[in-house]
N, C-alpha and C. Protein backbone atom coordinates (compact mmCIF):
# COMPACT_ATOMS: atom_id res chain seq x y z
N MET A 1 -35.54 -15.71 -47.32
CA MET A 1 -35.27 -15.50 -45.98
C MET A 1 -35.31 -14.16 -45.80
N THR A 2 -36.25 -13.58 -44.37
CA THR A 2 -35.96 -12.42 -43.86
C THR A 2 -35.24 -12.44 -42.62
N PRO A 3 -34.66 -11.02 -42.70
CA PRO A 3 -33.83 -10.85 -41.52
C PRO A 3 -34.70 -10.66 -39.96
N LEU A 4 -35.67 -10.58 -39.91
CA LEU A 4 -36.56 -10.39 -38.98
C LEU A 4 -37.96 -11.26 -39.21
N PRO A 5 -38.27 -11.97 -37.91
CA PRO A 5 -39.40 -12.82 -38.20
C PRO A 5 -40.44 -11.84 -38.34
N LEU A 6 -41.73 -12.12 -39.28
CA LEU A 6 -42.63 -11.34 -39.34
C LEU A 6 -43.92 -11.42 -38.48
N LYS A 7 -44.38 -10.21 -38.24
CA LYS A 7 -45.49 -10.41 -37.12
C LYS A 7 -46.85 -10.58 -37.48
N ASN A 8 -47.66 -10.63 -37.05
CA ASN A 8 -49.17 -10.79 -37.72
C ASN A 8 -49.76 -9.41 -37.64
N ILE A 9 -50.25 -8.93 -38.82
CA ILE A 9 -50.56 -7.78 -39.18
C ILE A 9 -52.04 -7.60 -38.63
N ASP A 10 -52.75 -6.86 -38.14
CA ASP A 10 -54.46 -6.51 -37.63
C ASP A 10 -54.85 -6.20 -39.06
N GLY A 11 -55.95 -6.22 -39.36
CA GLY A 11 -56.70 -5.87 -40.80
C GLY A 11 -56.24 -4.43 -40.90
N ASN A 12 -56.32 -3.57 -39.48
CA ASN A 12 -55.94 -2.27 -39.97
C ASN A 12 -54.64 -1.50 -40.64
N GLY A 13 -53.75 -2.86 -40.35
CA GLY A 13 -52.16 -2.73 -40.83
C GLY A 13 -50.99 -2.16 -39.84
N VAL A 14 -51.75 -2.56 -38.68
CA VAL A 14 -50.88 -1.90 -37.49
C VAL A 14 -50.31 -3.34 -37.00
N ILE A 15 -48.83 -3.24 -36.71
CA ILE A 15 -47.99 -4.27 -36.36
C ILE A 15 -47.76 -4.27 -34.87
N ARG A 16 -48.12 -5.14 -34.19
CA ARG A 16 -48.05 -5.43 -32.40
C ARG A 16 -46.60 -5.57 -32.20
N LEU A 17 -46.01 -4.84 -31.40
CA LEU A 17 -44.58 -5.11 -30.88
C LEU A 17 -45.08 -5.72 -29.03
N PRO A 18 -44.04 -6.73 -29.12
CA PRO A 18 -44.30 -7.33 -27.91
C PRO A 18 -43.82 -6.44 -26.76
N ILE A 19 -43.04 -5.28 -26.82
CA ILE A 19 -42.52 -4.45 -25.61
C ILE A 19 -43.97 -3.55 -25.06
N ASN A 20 -44.79 -3.43 -25.87
CA ASN A 20 -45.65 -2.05 -25.53
C ASN A 20 -47.22 -3.31 -25.09
N GLU A 21 -47.69 -2.88 -24.06
CA GLU A 21 -48.70 -3.73 -24.04
C GLU A 21 -50.06 -2.84 -23.46
N LEU A 22 -51.57 -3.32 -23.93
CA LEU A 22 -52.39 -2.14 -23.64
C LEU A 22 -53.04 -2.68 -22.72
N ASN A 23 -53.63 -1.93 -21.43
CA ASN A 23 -54.47 -2.16 -20.10
C ASN A 23 -56.04 -1.96 -20.51
N GLN A 24 -56.63 -2.27 -19.51
CA GLN A 24 -57.76 -2.09 -20.17
C GLN A 24 -58.67 -0.79 -20.30
N ASN A 25 -58.03 0.11 -20.03
CA ASN A 25 -57.85 1.56 -20.62
C ASN A 25 -57.44 2.02 -21.76
N GLY A 26 -56.79 1.12 -22.54
CA GLY A 26 -56.14 1.30 -23.57
C GLY A 26 -54.78 2.45 -23.43
N MET A 27 -54.26 2.50 -22.33
CA MET A 27 -52.68 2.92 -21.83
C MET A 27 -51.87 2.07 -22.37
N ILE A 28 -50.77 2.62 -22.69
CA ILE A 28 -49.78 1.76 -23.19
C ILE A 28 -48.52 2.00 -21.73
N PHE A 29 -48.43 0.75 -21.61
CA PHE A 29 -47.13 0.45 -20.24
C PHE A 29 -45.88 0.26 -21.03
N GLU A 30 -44.75 0.97 -20.87
CA GLU A 30 -43.51 0.50 -20.98
C GLU A 30 -42.57 0.10 -19.83
N ARG A 31 -42.50 -1.30 -20.42
CA ARG A 31 -41.61 -1.77 -19.15
C ARG A 31 -40.26 -1.68 -19.04
N LYS A 32 -39.45 -0.70 -19.79
CA LYS A 32 -38.32 -0.09 -19.86
C LYS A 32 -38.33 1.12 -18.63
N GLY A 33 -39.46 1.74 -18.66
CA GLY A 33 -39.40 2.97 -17.84
C GLY A 33 -39.85 2.60 -16.24
N GLN A 34 -40.39 1.04 -16.08
CA GLN A 34 -40.46 0.83 -14.83
C GLN A 34 -39.34 0.26 -14.14
N SER A 35 -38.47 -0.49 -14.97
CA SER A 35 -37.34 -1.05 -14.66
C SER A 35 -36.48 0.24 -14.49
N ALA A 36 -36.37 1.32 -14.77
CA ALA A 36 -35.59 2.39 -14.92
C ALA A 36 -36.12 3.10 -13.77
N VAL A 37 -37.13 3.16 -13.13
CA VAL A 37 -37.63 4.12 -12.24
C VAL A 37 -37.17 3.03 -10.93
N ILE A 38 -37.13 2.03 -11.07
CA ILE A 38 -36.92 0.87 -9.64
C ILE A 38 -35.41 0.51 -9.79
N GLY A 39 -34.92 0.50 -10.84
CA GLY A 39 -33.44 0.70 -10.53
C GLY A 39 -32.69 2.09 -10.07
N LEU A 40 -33.31 3.18 -10.39
CA LEU A 40 -32.89 4.49 -9.60
C LEU A 40 -33.36 4.31 -8.01
N LEU A 41 -34.20 4.09 -7.50
CA LEU A 41 -34.71 3.84 -6.11
C LEU A 41 -33.52 3.25 -5.54
N PHE A 42 -33.52 1.78 -6.41
CA PHE A 42 -32.58 0.79 -5.69
C PHE A 42 -31.18 1.58 -5.48
N ILE A 43 -30.59 2.32 -6.28
CA ILE A 43 -29.36 2.86 -6.46
C ILE A 43 -29.34 3.93 -5.14
N LEU A 44 -30.41 4.43 -5.00
CA LEU A 44 -30.78 5.50 -3.87
C LEU A 44 -30.79 5.10 -2.62
N VAL A 45 -31.24 3.78 -2.48
CA VAL A 45 -31.32 2.99 -1.14
C VAL A 45 -29.62 2.51 -0.96
N LEU A 46 -29.00 1.77 -1.97
CA LEU A 46 -27.80 1.60 -1.60
C LEU A 46 -26.87 2.60 -1.29
N ILE A 47 -27.09 3.98 -1.69
CA ILE A 47 -26.24 5.10 -1.61
C ILE A 47 -26.54 5.49 0.04
N THR A 48 -27.75 5.43 0.63
CA THR A 48 -28.10 5.91 1.70
C THR A 48 -27.40 4.70 2.28
N ILE A 49 -27.50 3.32 2.41
CA ILE A 49 -27.10 2.43 3.52
C ILE A 49 -25.60 3.11 3.29
N ALA A 50 -24.86 2.68 2.00
CA ALA A 50 -23.30 2.84 2.44
C ALA A 50 -22.74 4.19 2.78
N SER A 51 -23.65 5.48 3.18
CA SER A 51 -23.45 6.43 3.62
C SER A 51 -23.75 6.45 5.41
N GLY A 52 -24.62 5.46 5.52
CA GLY A 52 -25.10 5.12 6.83
C GLY A 52 -23.64 4.36 7.52
N LEU A 53 -23.31 3.54 6.74
CA LEU A 53 -22.29 2.74 6.98
C LEU A 53 -20.96 3.31 7.23
N VAL A 54 -20.74 4.77 6.49
CA VAL A 54 -19.27 5.68 6.81
C VAL A 54 -19.72 6.55 7.78
N ASP A 55 -20.99 6.80 8.05
CA ASP A 55 -20.90 7.45 9.28
C ASP A 55 -20.67 6.43 10.85
N ILE A 56 -21.37 5.70 10.57
CA ILE A 56 -20.63 4.50 11.74
C ILE A 56 -19.22 4.37 11.98
N TYR A 57 -18.56 4.40 10.71
CA TYR A 57 -17.12 4.06 10.75
C TYR A 57 -16.33 5.21 11.37
N ARG A 58 -17.04 6.33 10.72
CA ARG A 58 -16.15 7.73 10.98
C ARG A 58 -16.52 7.85 12.81
N LEU A 59 -17.55 7.19 13.29
CA LEU A 59 -18.08 7.80 14.90
C LEU A 59 -16.98 6.53 15.52
N TYR A 60 -16.86 5.43 15.13
CA TYR A 60 -15.68 4.31 15.88
C TYR A 60 -14.37 5.15 15.67
N ALA A 61 -14.13 5.51 14.28
CA ALA A 61 -12.50 5.65 14.10
C ALA A 61 -12.35 7.12 14.72
N ALA A 62 -13.27 8.38 15.05
CA ALA A 62 -13.16 9.10 15.75
C ALA A 62 -13.05 8.88 17.29
N ARG A 63 -13.89 7.92 17.88
CA ARG A 63 -13.76 7.52 19.25
C ARG A 63 -12.56 6.77 19.56
N ASN A 64 -11.89 5.71 18.48
CA ASN A 64 -10.65 5.21 19.00
C ASN A 64 -9.33 6.13 18.79
N TRP A 65 -9.55 7.09 17.96
CA TRP A 65 -8.33 8.07 17.92
C TRP A 65 -8.69 8.93 19.02
N ALA A 66 -9.37 9.37 19.75
CA ALA A 66 -9.62 10.28 20.96
C ALA A 66 -9.38 9.36 22.12
N TYR A 67 -9.41 8.37 22.08
CA TYR A 67 -9.21 7.66 23.34
C TYR A 67 -7.61 7.37 23.18
N GLN A 68 -6.89 7.27 22.23
CA GLN A 68 -5.53 6.89 22.00
C GLN A 68 -5.03 8.28 22.06
N VAL A 69 -5.62 9.54 21.89
CA VAL A 69 -4.99 10.85 22.23
C VAL A 69 -5.10 10.83 24.00
N ALA A 70 -6.16 10.51 24.62
CA ALA A 70 -6.39 10.77 25.99
C ALA A 70 -5.15 9.60 26.64
N GLN A 71 -5.06 8.60 26.25
CA GLN A 71 -4.13 7.78 26.97
C GLN A 71 -2.88 8.46 26.69
N GLU A 72 -2.36 8.54 25.61
CA GLU A 72 -0.98 9.35 25.28
C GLU A 72 -1.03 10.56 26.26
N ALA A 73 -1.97 11.70 26.46
CA ALA A 73 -1.61 12.44 27.17
C ALA A 73 -1.65 12.17 28.47
N ALA A 74 -2.32 11.23 29.30
CA ALA A 74 -2.11 11.00 30.44
C ALA A 74 -1.07 10.15 30.57
N LEU A 75 -0.55 9.46 29.79
CA LEU A 75 0.72 8.68 30.36
C LEU A 75 2.32 9.71 29.73
N ALA A 76 1.76 11.12 29.43
CA ALA A 76 2.36 12.23 28.98
C ALA A 76 2.72 12.90 30.84
N GLY A 77 1.44 13.40 31.07
CA GLY A 77 1.26 13.77 32.41
C GLY A 77 2.17 13.07 33.17
N VAL A 78 1.66 11.75 33.51
CA VAL A 78 2.05 10.99 34.71
C VAL A 78 4.02 10.96 34.37
N SER A 79 4.33 10.82 33.45
CA SER A 79 5.79 10.37 33.38
C SER A 79 6.63 11.70 33.61
N ARG A 80 6.16 12.79 32.93
CA ARG A 80 6.91 14.23 32.92
C ARG A 80 6.32 14.70 34.18
N GLY A 81 5.63 14.66 34.95
CA GLY A 81 5.12 15.49 36.04
C GLY A 81 5.52 15.09 37.33
N ARG A 82 6.53 14.07 37.54
CA ARG A 82 6.98 13.45 38.38
C ARG A 82 7.46 14.59 39.09
N ASP A 83 7.79 14.45 40.62
CA ASP A 83 8.37 15.41 41.48
C ASP A 83 9.36 14.72 42.28
N TRP A 84 10.90 14.75 41.27
CA TRP A 84 11.69 14.38 41.56
C TRP A 84 12.32 14.67 43.17
N ASN A 85 12.23 16.08 43.38
CA ASN A 85 12.33 16.41 44.85
C ASN A 85 11.73 15.73 46.08
N SER A 86 11.05 15.32 45.67
CA SER A 86 9.71 14.45 46.64
C SER A 86 10.17 13.10 46.59
N ILE A 87 10.88 12.53 45.43
CA ILE A 87 11.13 10.99 45.54
C ILE A 87 12.63 10.93 46.39
N SER A 88 13.41 12.06 45.86
CA SER A 88 14.53 12.08 46.91
C SER A 88 14.61 12.36 48.48
N ALA A 89 13.32 13.17 48.50
CA ALA A 89 13.20 13.77 50.26
C ALA A 89 12.78 12.81 50.78
N THR A 90 11.61 12.10 50.44
CA THR A 90 10.57 11.09 51.35
C THR A 90 10.78 9.72 50.77
N GLY A 91 11.30 9.52 49.59
CA GLY A 91 11.45 7.93 48.89
C GLY A 91 9.97 7.46 48.14
N GLU A 92 8.92 8.67 48.65
CA GLU A 92 7.70 8.28 47.77
C GLU A 92 7.30 9.07 46.40
N ILE A 93 6.73 8.61 45.47
CA ILE A 93 6.96 9.25 44.11
C ILE A 93 5.16 10.49 44.43
N ARG A 94 5.98 11.57 43.96
CA ARG A 94 4.28 12.28 43.95
C ARG A 94 4.57 12.84 42.68
N LEU A 95 3.70 13.82 42.37
CA LEU A 95 3.46 14.43 40.99
C LEU A 95 3.28 15.78 41.24
N ASN A 96 4.25 16.48 40.44
CA ASN A 96 3.76 17.92 40.34
C ASN A 96 2.38 18.55 39.49
N ALA A 97 1.33 18.70 40.21
CA ALA A 97 0.11 18.52 39.57
C ALA A 97 0.18 19.76 38.42
N ASP A 98 0.79 20.93 38.72
CA ASP A 98 0.96 21.62 37.54
C ASP A 98 1.53 21.22 36.21
N THR A 99 2.65 20.75 36.58
CA THR A 99 3.40 20.15 35.51
C THR A 99 2.64 19.09 34.62
N ALA A 100 1.99 18.45 35.44
CA ALA A 100 1.41 17.01 34.78
C ALA A 100 0.03 17.75 33.79
N ILE A 101 -0.38 18.39 34.58
CA ILE A 101 -1.58 19.02 33.85
C ILE A 101 -1.23 19.43 32.48
N ALA A 102 -0.11 20.69 32.73
CA ALA A 102 0.55 21.28 31.59
C ALA A 102 0.96 20.37 30.28
N GLU A 103 1.65 19.13 30.59
CA GLU A 103 2.15 18.14 29.84
C GLU A 103 0.66 17.52 29.09
N ALA A 104 -0.07 17.36 29.73
CA ALA A 104 -0.71 16.48 29.32
C ALA A 104 -1.55 17.31 28.11
N GLN A 105 -2.03 18.50 28.67
CA GLN A 105 -2.26 19.60 27.79
C GLN A 105 -2.05 19.88 26.53
N ASN A 106 -0.43 19.95 26.56
CA ASN A 106 0.17 20.07 25.32
C ASN A 106 -0.19 18.75 24.31
N ILE A 107 -0.02 17.88 24.93
CA ILE A 107 -0.29 16.52 23.74
C ILE A 107 -1.44 16.85 23.18
N VAL A 108 -2.77 17.13 24.19
CA VAL A 108 -3.78 17.07 23.69
C VAL A 108 -3.88 18.15 22.42
N GLN A 109 -3.15 19.70 22.81
CA GLN A 109 -3.08 20.68 21.73
C GLN A 109 -2.51 20.37 20.64
N ASP A 110 -1.40 19.47 20.53
CA ASP A 110 -0.62 19.58 19.38
C ASP A 110 -1.17 18.03 18.55
N GLU A 111 -1.91 17.34 19.11
CA GLU A 111 -2.61 16.44 18.35
C GLU A 111 -4.01 16.93 17.35
N MET A 112 -4.51 17.67 18.17
CA MET A 112 -5.51 18.03 17.92
C MET A 112 -5.39 19.33 16.48
N ASN A 113 -4.29 20.16 16.68
CA ASN A 113 -3.70 20.94 15.50
C ASN A 113 -3.06 20.41 14.53
N SER A 114 -2.49 19.11 14.97
CA SER A 114 -2.03 18.13 13.37
C SER A 114 -3.11 17.77 13.02
N ARG A 115 -4.52 17.18 13.24
CA ARG A 115 -5.66 17.38 12.62
C ARG A 115 -6.60 18.33 11.95
N GLN A 116 -6.16 19.66 12.84
CA GLN A 116 -6.59 21.00 12.49
C GLN A 116 -8.31 20.68 12.74
N ILE A 117 -8.45 20.12 14.16
CA ILE A 117 -9.68 19.78 14.71
C ILE A 117 -9.96 21.20 15.59
N VAL A 118 -11.31 21.72 15.54
CA VAL A 118 -11.33 22.98 16.61
C VAL A 118 -12.99 22.22 17.21
N GLY A 119 -12.94 23.18 18.33
CA GLY A 119 -14.27 22.86 18.85
C GLY A 119 -14.41 21.88 20.13
N TYR A 120 -13.18 20.80 20.04
CA TYR A 120 -12.94 19.98 21.33
C TYR A 120 -12.87 20.32 22.71
N GLY A 121 -13.13 19.74 23.50
CA GLY A 121 -13.12 19.82 25.02
C GLY A 121 -11.95 18.92 25.60
N VAL A 122 -11.59 19.45 26.57
CA VAL A 122 -10.53 18.75 27.33
C VAL A 122 -10.69 19.04 28.91
N ASP A 123 -10.76 18.21 29.87
CA ASP A 123 -10.61 18.81 31.42
C ASP A 123 -9.62 17.39 31.63
N ILE A 124 -8.37 17.87 32.27
CA ILE A 124 -7.34 17.29 32.95
C ILE A 124 -7.57 17.44 34.27
N ARG A 125 -7.33 16.38 34.92
CA ARG A 125 -7.00 16.46 36.56
C ARG A 125 -6.00 15.74 37.21
N ALA A 126 -5.54 16.26 37.73
CA ALA A 126 -4.50 15.24 38.37
C ALA A 126 -4.31 15.06 40.05
N LEU A 127 -4.16 13.71 40.63
CA LEU A 127 -3.81 13.34 41.81
C LEU A 127 -2.51 13.06 42.53
N PRO A 128 -2.11 14.25 42.62
CA PRO A 128 -0.81 14.43 43.29
C PRO A 128 -0.18 13.40 44.22
N GLU A 129 -0.92 13.13 45.25
CA GLU A 129 -0.36 12.50 46.25
C GLU A 129 0.24 11.24 46.32
N PRO A 130 0.93 10.74 47.42
CA PRO A 130 1.38 9.32 47.13
C PRO A 130 0.48 8.47 46.96
N ASP A 131 -0.28 8.67 47.91
CA ASP A 131 -1.61 7.72 48.01
C ASP A 131 -2.76 7.75 47.24
N GLY A 132 -3.14 8.63 46.15
CA GLY A 132 -3.52 9.07 44.99
C GLY A 132 -4.86 10.05 45.67
N GLY A 133 -6.21 9.43 45.49
CA GLY A 133 -7.08 10.20 46.44
C GLY A 133 -8.37 10.13 45.21
N THR A 134 -9.72 11.09 45.55
CA THR A 134 -10.82 10.88 45.07
C THR A 134 -11.18 12.36 44.43
N ILE A 135 -11.56 12.30 43.19
CA ILE A 135 -12.05 13.70 42.32
C ILE A 135 -13.65 13.36 42.01
N PRO A 136 -14.53 13.86 43.22
CA PRO A 136 -16.29 13.86 42.98
C PRO A 136 -16.36 14.45 41.56
N GLY A 137 -17.30 13.66 40.87
CA GLY A 137 -17.72 14.35 39.59
C GLY A 137 -17.39 14.37 38.73
N PHE A 138 -15.83 13.37 38.58
CA PHE A 138 -15.04 13.26 37.48
C PHE A 138 -15.07 12.16 37.02
N PRO A 139 -15.03 11.44 35.90
CA PRO A 139 -15.31 12.74 34.41
C PRO A 139 -17.10 13.54 34.39
N PRO A 140 -17.04 14.75 33.68
CA PRO A 140 -18.37 15.39 33.88
C PRO A 140 -19.37 14.56 33.46
N GLN A 141 -19.23 14.04 32.38
CA GLN A 141 -20.37 12.93 31.75
C GLN A 141 -19.95 11.69 31.74
N PRO A 142 -20.98 10.48 31.67
CA PRO A 142 -20.37 9.23 31.77
C PRO A 142 -19.88 8.69 30.54
N VAL A 143 -18.77 7.96 30.41
CA VAL A 143 -18.35 7.49 29.55
C VAL A 143 -18.40 6.09 29.20
N ARG A 144 -18.26 5.19 28.19
CA ARG A 144 -18.46 3.98 27.92
C ARG A 144 -19.85 3.49 28.55
N LEU A 145 -20.43 2.77 29.45
CA LEU A 145 -21.35 1.98 29.59
C LEU A 145 -21.95 2.82 30.98
N GLY A 146 -21.15 3.68 31.36
CA GLY A 146 -21.76 4.52 32.81
C GLY A 146 -23.20 4.62 32.64
N ILE A 147 -23.88 5.10 33.59
CA ILE A 147 -24.99 5.76 33.36
C ILE A 147 -24.97 7.10 34.68
N SER A 148 -24.35 7.54 34.84
CA SER A 148 -24.28 8.75 35.68
C SER A 148 -22.64 8.90 36.07
N ARG A 149 -22.49 10.39 36.20
CA ARG A 149 -21.09 10.74 36.47
C ARG A 149 -20.54 10.10 37.96
N GLY A 150 -19.35 9.78 37.81
CA GLY A 150 -19.16 8.79 38.98
C GLY A 150 -17.53 9.73 39.90
N ASP A 151 -17.33 9.03 40.73
CA ASP A 151 -16.29 9.72 40.83
C ASP A 151 -14.79 8.95 40.97
N TRP A 152 -13.61 9.91 40.17
CA TRP A 152 -12.79 9.31 39.83
C TRP A 152 -11.58 9.00 41.11
N SER A 153 -11.14 7.89 41.13
CA SER A 153 -10.44 7.79 42.32
C SER A 153 -9.18 6.76 41.83
N SER A 154 -8.03 6.99 42.62
CA SER A 154 -6.84 5.96 42.40
C SER A 154 -6.08 5.89 43.47
N ASP A 155 -5.40 4.83 43.84
CA ASP A 155 -4.66 4.61 44.88
C ASP A 155 -2.99 4.63 44.75
N GLU A 156 -2.95 5.73 43.56
CA GLU A 156 -1.31 5.96 43.22
C GLU A 156 -1.51 7.47 42.94
N PRO A 157 -0.63 8.17 42.62
CA PRO A 157 -0.86 9.11 41.63
C PRO A 157 -0.89 9.04 40.40
N ALA A 158 -2.03 9.84 39.74
CA ALA A 158 -2.00 9.82 38.33
C ALA A 158 -3.13 10.88 38.14
N VAL A 159 -2.95 10.99 36.53
CA VAL A 159 -3.68 12.10 35.82
C VAL A 159 -4.50 11.12 35.06
N GLY A 160 -5.71 12.03 34.89
CA GLY A 160 -6.81 11.69 33.99
C GLY A 160 -7.39 12.70 33.20
N VAL A 161 -7.82 11.95 31.84
CA VAL A 161 -7.86 13.04 30.70
C VAL A 161 -9.09 12.67 30.56
N TYR A 162 -10.03 13.66 30.15
CA TYR A 162 -11.49 13.48 29.74
C TYR A 162 -11.62 14.72 28.27
N LEU A 163 -11.88 13.74 27.49
CA LEU A 163 -11.86 14.53 25.97
C LEU A 163 -13.02 14.20 25.65
N THR A 164 -13.92 15.72 24.69
CA THR A 164 -14.86 15.63 23.91
C THR A 164 -14.64 15.97 22.40
N LEU A 165 -15.05 15.16 21.52
CA LEU A 165 -14.10 15.60 19.82
C LEU A 165 -15.50 15.61 19.44
N PRO A 166 -16.05 16.62 18.52
CA PRO A 166 -16.91 16.45 17.60
C PRO A 166 -16.61 15.79 16.17
N VAL A 167 -17.70 15.32 15.59
CA VAL A 167 -17.69 14.43 14.62
C VAL A 167 -18.61 14.86 13.52
N ASN A 168 -17.63 14.73 12.44
CA ASN A 168 -18.42 15.24 11.27
C ASN A 168 -19.36 14.13 10.26
N TRP A 169 -20.34 14.25 9.90
CA TRP A 169 -21.17 13.11 9.59
C TRP A 169 -21.41 13.56 7.80
N LEU A 170 -21.36 11.95 7.26
CA LEU A 170 -21.36 12.19 5.49
C LEU A 170 -23.05 12.41 5.33
N LEU A 171 -23.92 11.43 5.98
CA LEU A 171 -25.17 11.51 5.67
C LEU A 171 -25.79 12.15 6.77
N LEU A 172 -25.81 11.86 7.88
CA LEU A 172 -26.66 12.70 8.83
C LEU A 172 -26.74 14.19 8.83
N ASP A 173 -25.42 14.68 8.43
CA ASP A 173 -25.42 16.10 8.39
C ASP A 173 -26.85 16.99 7.29
N ARG A 174 -26.61 15.95 6.38
CA ARG A 174 -27.73 16.27 5.13
C ARG A 174 -29.18 16.30 5.76
N LEU A 175 -29.40 15.21 6.61
CA LEU A 175 -30.62 15.15 7.20
C LEU A 175 -31.10 16.09 8.39
N GLY A 176 -30.46 17.14 8.64
CA GLY A 176 -30.76 17.89 9.67
C GLY A 176 -30.03 17.37 11.30
N ILE A 177 -29.20 15.99 11.32
CA ILE A 177 -28.64 15.65 12.42
C ILE A 177 -27.33 15.96 12.50
N VAL A 178 -27.11 17.05 13.44
CA VAL A 178 -25.88 17.77 13.87
C VAL A 178 -25.37 17.84 15.27
N GLY A 179 -24.09 18.04 15.54
CA GLY A 179 -23.80 18.18 16.93
C GLY A 179 -23.42 16.71 17.79
N LYS A 180 -23.47 15.75 16.78
CA LYS A 180 -22.45 14.42 17.55
C LYS A 180 -21.31 14.73 17.92
N SER A 181 -20.90 14.10 19.22
CA SER A 181 -19.36 14.14 19.82
C SER A 181 -19.20 12.97 20.14
N VAL A 182 -17.98 12.74 20.33
CA VAL A 182 -17.21 11.13 20.91
C VAL A 182 -16.84 11.70 22.45
N THR A 183 -16.98 11.37 23.64
CA THR A 183 -16.30 11.46 24.54
C THR A 183 -15.36 10.53 25.01
N VAL A 184 -14.49 10.65 25.51
CA VAL A 184 -13.54 9.53 26.09
C VAL A 184 -12.76 10.12 27.38
N PHE A 185 -12.40 8.69 28.34
CA PHE A 185 -11.60 9.37 29.55
C PHE A 185 -10.60 8.10 29.68
N ALA A 186 -9.33 8.64 29.75
CA ALA A 186 -8.23 7.60 30.09
C ALA A 186 -7.36 8.25 31.09
N ALA A 187 -7.22 7.25 31.99
CA ALA A 187 -6.16 7.59 33.30
C ALA A 187 -4.70 6.94 33.09
N ALA A 188 -4.07 7.54 33.67
CA ALA A 188 -2.21 6.99 33.95
C ALA A 188 -1.95 7.45 35.49
N GLY A 189 -1.25 6.24 35.82
CA GLY A 189 -0.82 6.56 37.30
C GLY A 189 0.76 5.95 37.52
N VAL A 190 1.16 6.36 38.62
CA VAL A 190 2.64 5.74 38.60
C VAL A 190 2.37 4.81 39.97
N ALA A 191 3.26 3.51 39.57
CA ALA A 191 2.75 2.39 40.66
C ALA A 191 4.39 2.72 41.59
N GLN A 192 3.68 2.66 42.81
CA GLN A 192 4.93 2.60 43.97
C GLN A 192 5.50 2.03 44.20
């Protein structure tokens, strides 16, 4: 009994092995080498897809976080910027515009410092009058599904926060696509 099955031996004493095949030109093809190249290409495609998904996740996570910061800043500006003297004198709620904007700015700055984010942009506006008002051309760029700049208006005292936040890519930075940012707008008002 032999441990390996015997192969047919040609007249010149060469044993034919099944892993090598000859083509018409007499070249030997290694099927193992082809599988390694295909496997490597498949792994590169999977890494590219995974990196793209990470970039999409980063974009949505940055947008959601920036929107939360803008909301928090607008709420802080409205709640801490109330003009209590006006309420006691006239019975109508007004905002102290400077205080409201400063309080909203402090919230944005604290949040950006906590995550060590640089290169962000913020534009905070206040409508201090009891009947609100309108600020033309604010926010400066369209956000959400807007197609052009609009006029921000409110029928109550309000604070609006427009925030632009840079996003770092995993894959797209290596491909030369840089400079992506997220823009959000949030507003809060005081009900009469």
